[in-house]
């Protein structure tokens, strides 16, 4: 098998061999390719996410640092009158 590598990749492979961690360029390429394929396989097996869980987790992390006094100042009708509070539109009933 013959493959073409960019000069940057060839330089990085040579650095790894010079470091003594690998005995040859073939060994570097084999291990790197194996690790990449394993990672891609893990990603393929991971259930799809629409990001909701990550957003909720992020919100929880941020919210825990907000003092209770500040939460008390959030309007109770914020979701109902969001346009009013953000853009100055008319306030709903």
N, C-alpha and C. Protein backbone atom coordinates (compact mmCIF):
# COMPACT_ATOMS: atom_id res chain seq x y z
N UNK A 1 0.86 -1.17 0.00
CA UNK A 1 0.00 0.00 0.00
C UNK A 1 0.90 1.23 0.00
N UNK A 2 0.50 2.20 -0.79
CA UNK A 2 1.25 3.45 -0.84
C UNK A 2 0.31 4.58 -0.45
N UNK A 3 0.79 5.48 0.43
CA UNK A 3 -0.01 6.62 0.84
C UNK A 3 0.82 7.89 0.69
N UNK A 4 0.14 9.00 0.52
CA UNK A 4 0.81 10.30 0.43
C UNK A 4 0.51 11.08 1.70
N UNK A 5 1.55 11.67 2.26
CA UNK A 5 1.39 12.46 3.48
C UNK A 5 1.89 13.87 3.24
N UNK A 6 1.30 14.80 3.94
CA UNK A 6 1.75 16.19 3.82
C UNK A 6 3.11 16.32 4.49
N UNK A 7 3.89 17.32 4.11
CA UNK A 7 5.19 17.54 4.77
C UNK A 7 5.05 17.72 6.29
N UNK A 8 3.97 18.35 6.73
CA UNK A 8 3.75 18.56 8.16
C UNK A 8 3.58 17.22 8.88
N UNK A 9 2.79 16.32 8.30
CA UNK A 9 2.59 15.00 8.91
C UNK A 9 3.90 14.21 8.90
N UNK A 10 4.63 14.27 7.81
CA UNK A 10 5.92 13.58 7.74
C UNK A 10 6.88 14.10 8.81
N UNK A 11 6.86 15.41 9.04
CA UNK A 11 7.72 16.01 10.07
C UNK A 11 7.32 15.50 11.45
N UNK A 12 6.03 15.45 11.71
CA UNK A 12 5.56 14.99 13.02
C UNK A 12 5.90 13.52 13.25
N UNK A 13 5.80 12.71 12.20
CA UNK A 13 6.16 11.29 12.32
C UNK A 13 7.65 11.17 12.62
N UNK A 14 8.47 11.92 11.90
CA UNK A 14 9.92 11.88 12.12
C UNK A 14 10.26 12.31 13.55
N UNK A 15 9.57 13.31 14.07
CA UNK A 15 9.81 13.75 15.45
C UNK A 15 9.51 12.63 16.44
N UNK A 16 8.43 11.89 16.20
CA UNK A 16 8.07 10.79 17.09
C UNK A 16 9.13 9.69 17.08
N UNK A 17 9.66 9.38 15.89
CA UNK A 17 10.70 8.36 15.78
C UNK A 17 11.96 8.85 16.48
N UNK A 18 12.34 10.12 16.26
CA UNK A 18 13.55 10.68 16.91
C UNK A 18 13.42 10.70 18.43
N UNK A 19 12.19 10.85 18.92
CA UNK A 19 11.99 10.92 20.37
C UNK A 19 12.31 9.57 21.04
N UNK A 20 12.34 8.51 20.25
CA UNK A 20 12.63 7.19 20.80
C UNK A 20 11.40 6.43 21.23
N UNK A 21 10.27 7.06 21.16
CA UNK A 21 9.04 6.38 21.57
C UNK A 21 8.64 5.30 20.56
N UNK A 22 8.99 5.52 19.30
CA UNK A 22 8.68 4.56 18.25
C UNK A 22 9.97 4.15 17.55
N UNK A 23 9.98 2.92 17.01
CA UNK A 23 11.17 2.42 16.32
C UNK A 23 11.18 2.78 14.84
N UNK A 24 9.99 3.06 14.28
CA UNK A 24 9.93 3.35 12.85
C UNK A 24 8.72 4.22 12.53
N UNK A 25 8.78 4.80 11.31
CA UNK A 25 7.64 5.60 10.86
C UNK A 25 6.41 4.72 10.70
N UNK A 26 6.60 3.48 10.26
CA UNK A 26 5.47 2.56 10.11
C UNK A 26 4.74 2.36 11.44
N UNK A 27 5.51 2.25 12.51
CA UNK A 27 4.91 2.05 13.84
C UNK A 27 4.09 3.27 14.25
N UNK A 28 4.59 4.46 13.98
CA UNK A 28 3.86 5.70 14.30
C UNK A 28 2.55 5.74 13.54
N UNK A 29 2.61 5.46 12.25
CA UNK A 29 1.42 5.52 11.41
C UNK A 29 0.40 4.47 11.84
N UNK A 30 0.87 3.24 12.11
CA UNK A 30 -0.06 2.18 12.54
C UNK A 30 -0.78 2.55 13.83
N UNK A 31 -0.02 3.02 14.83
CA UNK A 31 -0.65 3.37 16.10
C UNK A 31 -1.59 4.56 15.94
N UNK A 32 -1.16 5.57 15.21
CA UNK A 32 -2.01 6.74 15.01
C UNK A 32 -3.30 6.39 14.30
N UNK A 33 -3.20 5.57 13.26
CA UNK A 33 -4.39 5.17 12.52
C UNK A 33 -5.31 4.32 13.39
N UNK A 34 -4.72 3.42 14.16
CA UNK A 34 -5.52 2.57 15.05
C UNK A 34 -6.28 3.42 16.07
N UNK A 35 -5.60 4.39 16.69
CA UNK A 35 -6.26 5.26 17.67
C UNK A 35 -7.38 6.07 17.03
N UNK A 36 -7.13 6.59 15.84
CA UNK A 36 -8.15 7.37 15.14
C UNK A 36 -9.37 6.52 14.82
N UNK A 37 -9.14 5.31 14.33
CA UNK A 37 -10.27 4.44 13.99
C UNK A 37 -11.06 4.03 15.24
N UNK A 38 -10.37 3.79 16.36
CA UNK A 38 -11.07 3.46 17.60
C UNK A 38 -11.94 4.63 18.06
N UNK A 39 -11.41 5.84 17.98
CA UNK A 39 -12.17 7.02 18.39
C UNK A 39 -13.39 7.22 17.49
N UNK A 40 -13.21 7.04 16.20
CA UNK A 40 -14.35 7.18 15.27
C UNK A 40 -15.42 6.13 15.55
N UNK A 41 -14.99 4.91 15.90
CA UNK A 41 -15.94 3.86 16.21
C UNK A 41 -16.73 4.21 17.47
N UNK A 42 -16.07 4.76 18.47
CA UNK A 42 -16.77 5.20 19.69
C UNK A 42 -17.81 6.26 19.37
N UNK A 43 -17.42 7.22 18.52
CA UNK A 43 -18.35 8.28 18.13
C UNK A 43 -19.56 7.71 17.40
N UNK A 44 -19.32 6.73 16.53
CA UNK A 44 -20.41 6.14 15.76
C UNK A 44 -21.38 5.38 16.66
N UNK A 45 -20.89 4.81 17.76
CA UNK A 45 -21.74 4.04 18.66
C UNK A 45 -22.45 4.90 19.69
N UNK A 46 -22.00 6.15 19.85
CA UNK A 46 -22.62 7.06 20.80
C UNK A 46 -24.01 7.44 20.31
N UNK A 47 -25.01 7.42 21.19
CA UNK A 47 -26.36 7.81 20.75
C UNK A 47 -26.39 9.26 20.31
N UNK A 48 -27.19 9.56 19.29
CA UNK A 48 -27.26 10.95 18.82
C UNK A 48 -27.81 11.87 19.90
N UNK A 49 -27.34 13.09 19.89
CA UNK A 49 -27.78 14.07 20.88
C UNK A 49 -28.20 15.34 20.16
N UNK A 50 -29.27 15.93 20.63
CA UNK A 50 -29.68 17.21 20.05
C UNK A 50 -29.12 18.37 20.84
N UNK A 51 -28.25 18.08 21.80
CA UNK A 51 -27.59 19.12 22.58
C UNK A 51 -28.36 19.58 23.79
N UNK A 52 -29.60 19.14 23.96
CA UNK A 52 -30.42 19.59 25.08
C UNK A 52 -29.78 19.25 26.42
N UNK A 53 -29.29 18.03 26.54
CA UNK A 53 -28.68 17.62 27.80
C UNK A 53 -27.47 18.48 28.11
N UNK A 54 -26.64 18.74 27.13
CA UNK A 54 -25.45 19.55 27.35
C UNK A 54 -25.84 20.98 27.73
N UNK A 55 -26.85 21.51 27.09
CA UNK A 55 -27.30 22.87 27.40
C UNK A 55 -27.85 22.93 28.83
N UNK A 56 -28.61 21.93 29.21
CA UNK A 56 -29.16 21.90 30.56
C UNK A 56 -28.05 21.81 31.61
N UNK A 57 -27.06 20.98 31.32
CA UNK A 57 -25.93 20.85 32.24
C UNK A 57 -25.17 22.16 32.35
N UNK A 58 -24.97 22.80 31.23
CA UNK A 58 -24.28 24.09 31.22
C UNK A 58 -25.07 25.12 32.02
N UNK A 59 -26.38 25.17 31.82
CA UNK A 59 -27.22 26.10 32.56
C UNK A 59 -27.12 25.86 34.06
N UNK A 60 -27.15 24.59 34.46
CA UNK A 60 -27.05 24.27 35.89
C UNK A 60 -25.73 24.75 36.48
N UNK A 61 -24.66 24.58 35.73
CA UNK A 61 -23.35 25.02 36.22
C UNK A 61 -23.32 26.54 36.40
N UNK A 62 -23.89 27.25 35.43
CA UNK A 62 -23.91 28.71 35.51
C UNK A 62 -24.85 29.16 36.63
N UNK A 63 -26.03 28.54 36.69
CA UNK A 63 -27.05 28.96 37.64
C UNK A 63 -26.61 28.79 39.09
N UNK A 64 -25.81 27.79 39.37
CA UNK A 64 -25.41 27.56 40.76
C UNK A 64 -24.52 28.68 41.30
N UNK A 65 -23.90 29.44 40.41
CA UNK A 65 -23.05 30.55 40.82
C UNK A 65 -23.80 31.88 40.95
N UNK A 66 -25.09 31.88 40.59
CA UNK A 66 -25.89 33.10 40.69
C UNK A 66 -26.50 33.17 42.09
N UNK A 67 -26.26 34.25 42.80
CA UNK A 67 -26.81 34.37 44.16
C UNK A 67 -28.33 34.34 44.17
N UNK A 68 -28.90 33.80 45.24
CA UNK A 68 -30.36 33.71 45.37
C UNK A 68 -31.02 35.08 45.25
N UNK A 69 -30.36 36.11 45.76
CA UNK A 69 -30.88 37.48 45.68
C UNK A 69 -31.11 37.88 44.22
N UNK A 70 -30.19 37.50 43.33
CA UNK A 70 -30.34 37.83 41.91
C UNK A 70 -31.48 37.05 41.27
N UNK A 71 -31.66 35.78 41.67
CA UNK A 71 -32.77 35.01 41.13
C UNK A 71 -34.11 35.62 41.54
N UNK A 72 -34.17 36.21 42.73
CA UNK A 72 -35.41 36.83 43.19
C UNK A 72 -35.80 38.03 42.33
N UNK A 73 -34.85 38.66 41.67
CA UNK A 73 -35.15 39.83 40.84
C UNK A 73 -35.59 39.46 39.42
N UNK A 74 -35.53 38.18 39.08
CA UNK A 74 -35.99 37.75 37.75
C UNK A 74 -37.51 37.80 37.76
N UNK A 75 -38.13 38.48 36.79
CA UNK A 75 -39.60 38.59 36.76
C UNK A 75 -40.25 37.21 36.67
N UNK A 76 -41.33 37.01 37.39
CA UNK A 76 -42.02 35.72 37.38
C UNK A 76 -42.74 35.47 36.06
N UNK A 77 -43.00 36.53 35.30
CA UNK A 77 -43.67 36.37 34.01
C UNK A 77 -42.66 36.48 32.85
N UNK A 78 -41.41 36.17 33.11
CA UNK A 78 -40.35 36.35 32.11
C UNK A 78 -40.64 35.57 30.83
N UNK A 79 -41.01 34.31 30.94
CA UNK A 79 -41.24 33.52 29.72
C UNK A 79 -42.46 34.03 28.95
N UNK A 80 -43.45 34.52 29.68
CA UNK A 80 -44.67 35.01 29.04
C UNK A 80 -44.45 36.35 28.36
N UNK A 81 -43.61 37.19 28.93
CA UNK A 81 -43.38 38.54 28.42
C UNK A 81 -41.93 38.78 27.98
N UNK A 82 -41.34 37.77 27.42
CA UNK A 82 -39.93 37.86 27.03
C UNK A 82 -39.69 39.03 26.07
N UNK A 83 -40.55 39.19 25.07
CA UNK A 83 -40.38 40.30 24.11
C UNK A 83 -40.44 41.65 24.81
N UNK A 84 -41.29 41.76 25.80
CA UNK A 84 -41.39 43.01 26.55
C UNK A 84 -40.07 43.31 27.27
N UNK A 85 -39.53 42.30 27.96
CA UNK A 85 -38.31 42.53 28.74
C UNK A 85 -37.08 42.68 27.85
N UNK A 86 -37.05 41.99 26.71
CA UNK A 86 -35.88 42.09 25.83
C UNK A 86 -35.93 43.28 24.87
N UNK A 87 -37.12 43.51 24.29
CA UNK A 87 -37.21 44.50 23.22
C UNK A 87 -38.14 45.67 23.50
N UNK A 88 -38.79 45.66 24.67
CA UNK A 88 -39.66 46.77 25.02
C UNK A 88 -41.02 46.69 24.38
N UNK A 89 -41.39 45.52 23.88
CA UNK A 89 -42.71 45.35 23.27
C UNK A 89 -43.80 45.45 24.32
N UNK A 90 -45.05 45.44 23.87
CA UNK A 90 -46.15 45.53 24.84
C UNK A 90 -46.16 44.31 25.76
N UNK A 91 -46.52 44.58 27.01
CA UNK A 91 -46.56 43.52 28.01
C UNK A 91 -47.91 42.82 27.93
N UNK A 92 -47.86 41.48 27.91
CA UNK A 92 -49.09 40.68 27.86
C UNK A 92 -49.78 40.66 29.21
N UNK A 93 -50.95 40.10 29.22
CA UNK A 93 -51.72 40.05 30.48
C UNK A 93 -51.30 38.90 31.35
